[in-house]
Amino acid sequence: MMPSSPVVIALAVEVKNLFVISAAALVIRMRDLDIIGETAVQNVFRGVGRTWRTEEPCPLDRAEEPRRFQRLCFRALAKNIVSKSKAAELQDPGERC
């Protein structure tokens, strides 16, 4: 049996600070891992979740920082796809468009 929408909302709000991600992203990740079903996701976003695009529930204590690009640069460096200098250049925010 999958958790109901109120349980999903409570879990997302409580766990979001632990992982430093938005509650909406956590709900989607729970769906992707088959912890909750598509119906629960739809119920969340039709209810209280519809306001999460503009107002995060229980704001995070610290700002979210996107790390995907950094991880991809490190992976490319580890696999010798890019040089150290190219990885450093890619990491410099002043150089990116």
N, C-alpha and C. Protein backbone atom coordinates (compact mmCIF):
# COMPACT_ATOMS: atom_id res chain seq x y z
N MET A 1 0.84 -1.18 0.00
CA MET A 1 0.00 0.00 0.00
C MET A 1 0.88 1.25 0.00
N MET A 2 0.58 2.17 -0.88
CA MET A 2 1.35 3.40 -0.99
C MET A 2 0.80 4.45 -0.03
N PRO A 3 1.67 5.35 0.43
CA PRO A 3 1.21 6.39 1.37
C PRO A 3 0.22 7.35 0.72
N SER A 4 -0.66 7.91 1.54
CA SER A 4 -1.65 8.88 1.04
C SER A 4 -1.00 10.25 0.84
N SER A 5 -1.71 11.12 0.17
CA SER A 5 -1.18 12.46 -0.14
C SER A 5 -0.77 13.25 1.10
N PRO A 6 -1.57 13.27 2.19
CA PRO A 6 -1.12 14.01 3.38
C PRO A 6 0.18 13.46 3.96
N VAL A 7 0.35 12.15 3.90
CA VAL A 7 1.59 11.54 4.39
C VAL A 7 2.76 11.95 3.50
N VAL A 8 2.53 11.97 2.20
CA VAL A 8 3.57 12.36 1.23
C VAL A 8 3.98 13.80 1.47
N ILE A 9 3.02 14.68 1.67
CA ILE A 9 3.31 16.09 1.91
C ILE A 9 4.12 16.25 3.20
N ALA A 10 3.68 15.60 4.26
CA ALA A 10 4.39 15.71 5.54
C ALA A 10 5.81 15.17 5.42
N LEU A 11 5.98 14.06 4.73
CA LEU A 11 7.31 13.48 4.55
C LEU A 11 8.20 14.40 3.73
N ALA A 12 7.66 14.95 2.65
CA ALA A 12 8.44 15.84 1.79
C ALA A 12 8.90 17.08 2.54
N VAL A 13 8.02 17.67 3.32
CA VAL A 13 8.37 18.88 4.06
C VAL A 13 9.40 18.57 5.15
N GLU A 14 9.27 17.42 5.80
CA GLU A 14 10.20 17.09 6.88
C GLU A 14 11.58 16.71 6.36
N VAL A 15 11.65 16.00 5.24
CA VAL A 15 12.91 15.48 4.73
C VAL A 15 13.67 16.47 3.85
N LYS A 16 12.98 17.48 3.35
CA LYS A 16 13.61 18.40 2.39
C LYS A 16 14.84 19.12 2.94
N ASN A 17 14.83 19.48 4.21
CA ASN A 17 16.00 20.14 4.80
C ASN A 17 17.19 19.19 4.92
N LEU A 18 16.89 17.91 5.12
CA LEU A 18 17.96 16.93 5.22
C LEU A 18 18.74 16.83 3.91
N PHE A 19 18.02 16.82 2.79
CA PHE A 19 18.66 16.67 1.49
C PHE A 19 18.90 17.99 0.77
N VAL A 20 18.44 19.09 1.34
CA VAL A 20 18.58 20.44 0.78
C VAL A 20 18.06 20.49 -0.66
N ILE A 21 16.82 20.00 -0.81
CA ILE A 21 16.14 20.09 -2.10
C ILE A 21 14.72 20.57 -1.85
N SER A 22 14.06 20.96 -2.90
CA SER A 22 12.69 21.45 -2.74
C SER A 22 11.76 20.28 -2.46
N ALA A 23 10.64 20.59 -1.83
CA ALA A 23 9.64 19.57 -1.52
C ALA A 23 9.07 18.98 -2.81
N ALA A 24 8.90 19.81 -3.82
CA ALA A 24 8.37 19.33 -5.11
C ALA A 24 9.34 18.32 -5.73
N ALA A 25 10.63 18.63 -5.70
CA ALA A 25 11.63 17.70 -6.26
C ALA A 25 11.63 16.39 -5.49
N LEU A 26 11.42 16.46 -4.20
CA LEU A 26 11.39 15.25 -3.38
C LEU A 26 10.17 14.39 -3.72
N VAL A 27 9.04 15.03 -3.94
CA VAL A 27 7.83 14.28 -4.32
C VAL A 27 8.06 13.57 -5.66
N ILE A 28 8.64 14.26 -6.62
CA ILE A 28 8.91 13.66 -7.92
C ILE A 28 9.91 12.51 -7.78
N ARG A 29 10.92 12.68 -6.95
CA ARG A 29 11.91 11.62 -6.75
C ARG A 29 11.26 10.40 -6.09
N MET A 30 10.36 10.62 -5.15
CA MET A 30 9.65 9.50 -4.53
C MET A 30 8.82 8.74 -5.56
N ARG A 31 8.23 9.47 -6.50
CA ARG A 31 7.49 8.81 -7.58
C ARG A 31 8.43 8.01 -8.47
N ASP A 32 9.57 8.59 -8.81
CA ASP A 32 10.54 7.90 -9.67
C ASP A 32 11.07 6.62 -9.03
N LEU A 33 11.12 6.59 -7.70
CA LEU A 33 11.60 5.41 -6.98
C LEU A 33 10.46 4.45 -6.62
N ASP A 34 9.26 4.73 -7.13
CA ASP A 34 8.07 3.92 -6.87
C ASP A 34 7.70 3.84 -5.38
N ILE A 35 8.03 4.91 -4.64
CA ILE A 35 7.61 4.99 -3.25
C ILE A 35 6.16 5.45 -3.20
N ILE A 36 5.82 6.34 -4.13
CA ILE A 36 4.44 6.80 -4.27
C ILE A 36 4.02 6.63 -5.72
N GLY A 37 2.73 6.61 -5.94
CA GLY A 37 2.20 6.45 -7.28
C GLY A 37 1.90 7.78 -7.95
N GLU A 38 1.58 7.69 -9.22
CA GLU A 38 1.26 8.89 -10.01
C GLU A 38 0.03 9.61 -9.44
N THR A 39 -0.92 8.85 -8.93
CA THR A 39 -2.13 9.45 -8.36
C THR A 39 -1.78 10.33 -7.16
N ALA A 40 -0.88 9.85 -6.30
CA ALA A 40 -0.47 10.64 -5.13
C ALA A 40 0.22 11.92 -5.58
N VAL A 41 1.07 11.83 -6.61
CA VAL A 41 1.76 13.02 -7.13
C VAL A 41 0.74 14.03 -7.64
N GLN A 42 -0.22 13.55 -8.41
CA GLN A 42 -1.26 14.44 -8.94
C GLN A 42 -2.06 15.08 -7.82
N ASN A 43 -2.39 14.30 -6.80
CA ASN A 43 -3.15 14.86 -5.67
C ASN A 43 -2.35 15.92 -4.92
N VAL A 44 -1.04 15.69 -4.74
CA VAL A 44 -0.20 16.67 -4.07
C VAL A 44 -0.18 17.97 -4.86
N PHE A 45 0.06 17.88 -6.17
CA PHE A 45 0.20 19.09 -6.97
C PHE A 45 -1.12 19.76 -7.30
N ARG A 46 -2.21 19.06 -7.17
CA ARG A 46 -3.53 19.70 -7.32
C ARG A 46 -3.96 20.38 -6.02
N GLY A 47 -3.40 19.92 -4.92
CA GLY A 47 -3.75 20.49 -3.61
C GLY A 47 -2.72 21.52 -3.19
N VAL A 48 -2.12 21.28 -2.04
CA VAL A 48 -1.17 22.24 -1.46
C VAL A 48 0.05 22.43 -2.35
N GLY A 49 0.42 21.43 -3.10
CA GLY A 49 1.61 21.52 -3.95
C GLY A 49 1.51 22.52 -5.08
N ARG A 50 0.31 22.96 -5.40
CA ARG A 50 0.18 23.92 -6.52
C ARG A 50 0.83 25.27 -6.19
N THR A 51 1.03 25.56 -4.92
CA THR A 51 1.65 26.83 -4.53
C THR A 51 3.17 26.71 -4.40
N TRP A 52 3.71 25.48 -4.51
CA TRP A 52 5.13 25.26 -4.28
C TRP A 52 6.02 25.88 -5.34
N ARG A 53 5.49 26.24 -6.49
CA ARG A 53 6.31 26.87 -7.53
C ARG A 53 6.72 28.29 -7.13
N THR A 54 5.88 28.93 -6.34
CA THR A 54 6.16 30.32 -5.96
C THR A 54 6.53 30.46 -4.49
N GLU A 55 6.08 29.52 -3.66
CA GLU A 55 6.33 29.63 -2.22
C GLU A 55 6.62 28.25 -1.65
N GLU A 56 7.86 28.00 -1.34
CA GLU A 56 8.30 26.71 -0.79
C GLU A 56 7.77 26.54 0.63
N PRO A 57 7.19 25.36 0.95
CA PRO A 57 6.74 25.15 2.33
C PRO A 57 7.93 25.03 3.27
N CYS A 58 7.86 25.67 4.41
CA CYS A 58 8.96 25.64 5.39
C CYS A 58 10.29 25.89 4.68
N PRO A 59 10.59 27.12 4.32
CA PRO A 59 11.80 27.41 3.54
C PRO A 59 13.05 26.76 4.11
N LEU A 60 13.96 26.43 3.22
CA LEU A 60 15.21 25.79 3.61
C LEU A 60 16.05 26.72 4.48
N ASP A 61 16.79 26.13 5.39
CA ASP A 61 17.66 26.92 6.26
C ASP A 61 18.82 27.54 5.47
N ARG A 62 19.19 26.88 4.40
CA ARG A 62 20.29 27.38 3.56
C ARG A 62 19.83 27.30 2.11
N ALA A 63 20.46 28.10 1.28
CA ALA A 63 20.07 28.17 -0.12
C ALA A 63 20.47 26.89 -0.86
N GLU A 64 19.62 26.51 -1.82
CA GLU A 64 19.96 25.38 -2.68
C GLU A 64 21.06 25.80 -3.63
N GLU A 65 22.00 24.91 -3.85
CA GLU A 65 23.06 25.18 -4.81
C GLU A 65 23.06 24.08 -5.86
N PRO A 66 22.90 24.44 -7.12
CA PRO A 66 22.96 23.42 -8.16
C PRO A 66 24.36 22.82 -8.22
N ARG A 67 24.42 21.52 -8.22
CA ARG A 67 25.73 20.85 -8.21
C ARG A 67 25.91 19.92 -9.39
N ARG A 68 24.91 19.73 -10.20
CA ARG A 68 24.99 18.78 -11.30
C ARG A 68 26.14 19.11 -12.25
N PHE A 69 26.26 20.36 -12.66
CA PHE A 69 27.31 20.74 -13.60
C PHE A 69 28.69 20.46 -13.01
N GLN A 70 28.85 20.77 -11.73
CA GLN A 70 30.13 20.52 -11.06
C GLN A 70 30.44 19.02 -11.05
N ARG A 71 29.45 18.20 -10.71
CA ARG A 71 29.66 16.74 -10.70
C ARG A 71 30.01 16.23 -12.10
N LEU A 72 29.36 16.76 -13.12
CA LEU A 72 29.65 16.34 -14.49
C LEU A 72 31.07 16.73 -14.89
N CYS A 73 31.52 17.90 -14.47
CA CYS A 73 32.90 18.32 -14.76
C CYS A 73 33.90 17.39 -14.09
N PHE A 74 33.64 17.06 -12.82
CA PHE A 74 34.55 16.15 -12.11
C PHE A 74 34.55 14.76 -12.74
N ARG A 75 33.39 14.31 -13.18
CA ARG A 75 33.32 13.00 -13.83
C ARG A 75 34.11 13.00 -15.14
N ALA A 76 33.95 14.07 -15.93
CA ALA A 76 34.68 14.17 -17.19
C ALA A 76 36.19 14.22 -16.93
N LEU A 77 36.60 14.91 -15.88
CA LEU A 77 38.01 14.97 -15.51
C LEU A 77 38.52 13.59 -15.08
N ALA A 78 37.75 12.89 -14.28
CA ALA A 78 38.15 11.56 -13.80
C ALA A 78 38.28 10.57 -14.95
N LYS A 79 37.46 10.72 -15.97
CA LYS A 79 37.50 9.81 -17.12
C LYS A 79 38.43 10.31 -18.22
N ASN A 80 39.19 11.37 -17.91
CA ASN A 80 40.13 11.96 -18.87
C ASN A 80 39.46 12.43 -20.16
N ILE A 81 38.23 12.89 -20.03
CA ILE A 81 37.52 13.45 -21.18
C ILE A 81 37.92 14.91 -21.37
N VAL A 82 38.21 15.58 -20.26
CA VAL A 82 38.70 16.96 -20.31
C VAL A 82 39.97 17.07 -19.47
N SER A 83 40.77 18.07 -19.76
CA SER A 83 41.99 18.30 -18.99
C SER A 83 41.66 19.05 -17.70
N LYS A 84 42.64 19.13 -16.79
CA LYS A 84 42.44 19.89 -15.55
C LYS A 84 42.15 21.35 -15.85
N SER A 85 42.88 21.89 -16.81
CA SER A 85 42.68 23.31 -17.13
C SER A 85 41.28 23.56 -17.72
N LYS A 86 40.79 22.62 -18.55
CA LYS A 86 39.46 22.78 -19.14
C LYS A 86 38.39 22.64 -18.04
N ALA A 87 38.59 21.69 -17.12
CA ALA A 87 37.64 21.51 -16.02
C ALA A 87 37.60 22.77 -15.16
N ALA A 88 38.77 23.37 -14.89
CA ALA A 88 38.82 24.60 -14.10
C ALA A 88 38.13 25.74 -14.84
N GLU A 89 38.35 25.80 -16.14
CA GLU A 89 37.71 26.85 -16.96
C GLU A 89 36.19 26.70 -16.93
N LEU A 90 35.72 25.46 -17.01
CA LEU A 90 34.28 25.22 -16.98
C LEU A 90 33.67 25.56 -15.62
N GLN A 91 34.43 25.41 -14.56
CA GLN A 91 33.95 25.69 -13.22
C GLN A 91 33.88 27.17 -12.89
N ASP A 92 34.62 27.99 -13.63
CA ASP A 92 34.66 29.42 -13.35
C ASP A 92 33.34 30.06 -13.79
N PRO A 93 32.52 30.52 -12.85
CA PRO A 93 31.22 31.09 -13.23
C PRO A 93 31.32 32.34 -14.09
N GLY A 94 32.44 33.03 -14.04
CA GLY A 94 32.60 34.23 -14.87
C GLY A 94 32.76 33.90 -16.34
N GLU A 95 33.16 32.69 -16.65
CA GLU A 95 33.39 32.28 -18.01
C GLU A 95 32.14 31.74 -18.70
N ARG A 96 31.15 31.26 -17.92
CA ARG A 96 29.97 30.66 -18.52
C ARG A 96 29.00 31.71 -19.00
N CYS A 97 28.25 31.36 -20.04
CA CYS A 97 27.24 32.26 -20.59
C CYS A 97 25.97 32.20 -19.79
